Amino acid sequence: MKRAVVLAAISLFGLAACSSAPESAPPAAPAPAAPAPPPHVPDHTSLFPDAGKVATSVVPDHLLDMKKMPGGSLAEYNVKGKKYRMFIIDTDSNQNAAFLMLDMKAEMKENPEYLSHMGGYFGMYGDQPLYCFAKLHYVAGIVGLPRDKADPLAIGLAAQLH
C-alpha cells in the first residue's frame, strides 16, 4: 500500500511538472525610446589661423557633407580672392582617426595621392581639391586649394593639434 501511494505521488508530481504554465497576457510593447542626443562636438575653432578667416562654425554631423563623417570645426577663408575652408575633426582615438582617413580617401575621386610626410591624402572631392591628414586623434585638412598652396597651411594647422 505504501508503495502504491508513493508511486501515485511521484506520477502526480511528474504530470504537474510537465504541464505548461497558464497563459498570460502578452507583454506590453515598450514605449518608444527618446532619440539619443547628438554626440558632443568639441569646438576647436580657436586653433585655426586668423589671417584671412571670414567665418567659423561647429558642424554637428556630416562635416563637408560626407556621409560617414562626424561633426567638427570648420573655418572659411578668403585670401586675395581665393576662397577655401579648413576643418578639424576630433575623434575618440588615434585608431578612429586612421579609419576616418580611409573613409575620407574613399570619398575622393579616382586615386588620391598619399602624402607620406603628413600621413594623409590629396585628391579631388567633388569639384574641389581636398588635402587631409591625421595627427594623434584628429583628422584635419583644407578644401579648395591646390596641393602646393595647401601643404604649408596644413603643416601650420598640424602644429596646432596636440
Protein backbone atom coordinates (compact mmCIF):
# COMPACT_ATOMS: atom_id res chain seq x y z
CA MET A 1 0.00 0.00 0.00
CA LYS A 2 2.77 2.39 0.89
CA ARG A 3 4.40 1.58 -2.40
CA ALA A 4 1.21 2.41 -4.33
CA VAL A 5 0.81 5.76 -2.53
CA VAL A 6 4.45 6.71 -3.24
CA LEU A 7 4.08 5.67 -6.88
CA ALA A 8 0.87 7.70 -7.24
CA ALA A 9 2.51 10.74 -5.61
CA ILE A 10 5.50 10.52 -7.99
CA SER A 11 3.17 10.19 -11.00
CA LEU A 12 1.14 13.24 -9.98
CA PHE A 13 4.31 15.23 -9.34
CA GLY A 14 5.68 14.24 -12.78
CA LEU A 15 2.44 15.25 -14.53
CA ALA A 16 2.38 18.58 -12.71
CA ALA A 17 5.99 19.28 -13.68
CA CYS A 18 5.29 18.57 -17.37
CA SER A 19 2.21 20.74 -17.65
CA SER A 20 2.54 24.15 -19.29
CA ALA A 21 2.20 27.36 -17.37
CA PRO A 22 -1.11 29.15 -17.56
CA GLU A 23 -1.48 31.51 -20.48
CA SER A 24 -0.54 35.06 -19.63
CA ALA A 25 -1.22 38.25 -21.48
CA PRO A 26 1.50 39.23 -23.98
CA PRO A 27 3.91 41.80 -22.60
CA ALA A 28 3.03 45.36 -23.38
CA ALA A 29 5.03 46.94 -26.18
CA PRO A 30 7.88 49.02 -24.78
CA ALA A 31 7.44 52.75 -25.02
CA PRO A 32 9.44 54.22 -27.88
CA ALA A 33 12.80 55.39 -26.63
CA ALA A 34 13.62 59.03 -26.94
CA PRO A 35 16.15 59.67 -29.71
CA ALA A 36 19.70 59.73 -28.49
CA PRO A 37 21.10 63.21 -28.14
CA PRO A 38 23.63 64.09 -30.84
CA PRO A 39 27.21 63.46 -29.80
CA HIS A 40 29.06 66.43 -28.36
CA VAL A 41 31.29 68.05 -30.96
CA PRO A 42 34.23 69.92 -29.40
CA ASP A 43 34.78 73.49 -30.57
CA HIS A 44 38.30 73.77 -32.00
CA THR A 45 37.70 76.95 -33.97
CA SER A 46 40.32 78.78 -31.89
CA LEU A 47 43.02 76.54 -33.43
CA PHE A 48 42.51 77.91 -36.95
CA PRO A 49 44.88 80.65 -38.15
CA ASP A 50 43.37 84.17 -38.09
CA ALA A 51 44.81 85.55 -41.35
CA GLY A 52 42.04 85.69 -43.95
CA LYS A 53 39.46 83.95 -41.77
CA VAL A 54 35.94 85.18 -42.50
CA ALA A 55 33.79 82.68 -40.55
CA THR A 56 33.95 79.69 -38.22
CA SER A 57 31.36 77.13 -37.20
CA VAL A 58 30.92 73.86 -35.38
CA VAL A 59 29.12 71.36 -37.61
CA PRO A 60 27.15 68.76 -35.61
CA ASP A 61 27.33 65.95 -38.19
CA HIS A 62 28.46 65.08 -41.73
CA LEU A 63 31.29 67.59 -41.99
CA LEU A 64 31.88 68.62 -45.62
CA ASP A 65 28.60 66.84 -46.45
CA MET A 66 30.38 63.46 -46.38
CA LYS A 67 28.07 60.62 -45.35
CA LYS A 68 30.47 58.89 -42.96
CA MET A 69 31.98 62.00 -41.39
CA PRO A 70 31.11 63.04 -37.87
CA GLY A 71 30.84 66.68 -36.89
CA GLY A 72 33.76 69.00 -36.42
CA SER A 73 35.06 72.55 -36.56
CA LEU A 74 35.10 74.46 -39.83
CA ALA A 75 36.71 77.76 -40.85
CA GLU A 76 36.14 79.66 -44.07
CA TYR A 77 38.87 81.82 -45.61
CA ASN A 78 39.15 84.43 -48.32
CA VAL A 79 42.73 85.39 -49.12
CA LYS A 80 43.41 87.56 -52.16
CA GLY A 81 40.12 86.48 -53.73
CA LYS A 82 40.83 82.77 -53.21
CA LYS A 83 38.22 81.02 -51.05
CA TYR A 84 38.99 77.82 -49.13
CA ARG A 85 37.99 76.00 -45.95
CA MET A 86 39.91 74.32 -43.12
CA PHE A 87 38.44 71.65 -40.87
CA ILE A 88 39.27 69.73 -37.69
CA ILE A 89 37.54 66.54 -36.54
CA ASP A 90 38.25 65.31 -33.01
CA THR A 91 37.85 61.52 -32.72
CA ASP A 92 37.97 59.22 -29.68
CA SER A 93 41.32 57.65 -30.52
CA ASN A 94 44.25 57.61 -32.94
CA GLN A 95 42.83 54.42 -34.44
CA ASN A 96 39.46 56.05 -35.11
CA ALA A 97 41.26 58.94 -36.80
CA ALA A 98 43.09 56.47 -39.06
CA PHE A 99 39.84 54.73 -40.01
CA LEU A 100 38.21 58.09 -40.67
CA MET A 101 41.08 58.92 -43.04
CA LEU A 102 40.25 55.77 -45.02
CA ASP A 103 36.60 56.87 -45.21
CA MET A 104 37.73 60.25 -46.50
CA LYS A 105 40.02 58.63 -49.04
CA ALA A 106 37.09 56.55 -50.29
CA GLU A 107 35.07 59.76 -50.88
CA MET A 108 37.79 61.18 -53.14
CA LYS A 109 37.66 60.72 -56.89
CA GLU A 110 40.00 58.31 -58.69
CA ASN A 111 43.33 57.67 -56.95
CA PRO A 112 44.17 60.23 -54.28
CA GLU A 113 47.86 60.88 -53.73
CA TYR A 114 49.30 59.59 -50.44
CA LEU A 115 51.19 62.29 -48.52
CA SER A 116 53.82 60.38 -46.57
CA HIS A 117 55.21 63.49 -44.83
CA MET A 118 51.74 64.26 -43.41
CA GLY A 119 50.12 60.84 -43.13
CA GLY A 120 47.24 61.93 -45.30
CA TYR A 121 45.86 62.25 -48.82
CA PHE A 122 45.39 64.83 -51.54
CA GLY A 123 42.74 64.39 -54.21
CA MET A 124 39.50 65.71 -55.61
CA TYR A 125 36.29 65.71 -53.61
CA GLY A 126 33.53 66.70 -55.97
CA ASP A 127 34.94 69.58 -57.96
CA GLN A 128 37.30 70.82 -55.22
CA PRO A 129 40.76 69.70 -54.15
CA LEU A 130 40.89 68.11 -50.69
CA TYR A 131 44.05 67.87 -48.59
CA CYS A 132 43.51 65.83 -45.43
CA PHE A 133 45.72 64.28 -42.77
CA ALA A 134 45.55 62.58 -39.38
CA LYS A 135 47.51 63.66 -36.34
CA LEU A 136 47.01 61.99 -32.99
CA HIS A 137 43.23 61.63 -32.58
CA TYR A 138 42.47 64.43 -35.05
CA VAL A 139 41.63 64.45 -38.73
CA ALA A 140 42.16 67.84 -40.32
CA GLY A 141 42.58 69.38 -43.70
CA ILE A 142 41.98 72.02 -46.32
CA VAL A 143 39.36 72.14 -49.07
CA GLY A 144 39.68 74.36 -52.12
CA LEU A 145 43.43 74.88 -52.59
CA PRO A 146 45.92 73.09 -54.84
CA ARG A 147 48.44 70.89 -53.07
CA ASP A 148 51.36 73.33 -53.28
CA LYS A 149 49.27 76.07 -51.60
CA ALA A 150 47.58 73.74 -49.08
CA ASP A 151 50.77 71.99 -47.91
CA PRO A 152 52.29 74.86 -45.87
CA LEU A 153 48.89 75.74 -44.40
CA ALA A 154 48.33 72.10 -43.41
CA ILE A 155 51.73 71.95 -41.72
CA GLY A 156 50.81 75.05 -39.72
CA LEU A 157 47.43 73.58 -38.80
CA ALA A 158 49.06 70.29 -37.73
CA ALA A 159 51.35 72.26 -35.39
CA GLN A 160 48.23 73.46 -33.51
CA LEU A 161 46.91 69.94 -32.89
CA HIS A 162 48.24 68.45 -29.64
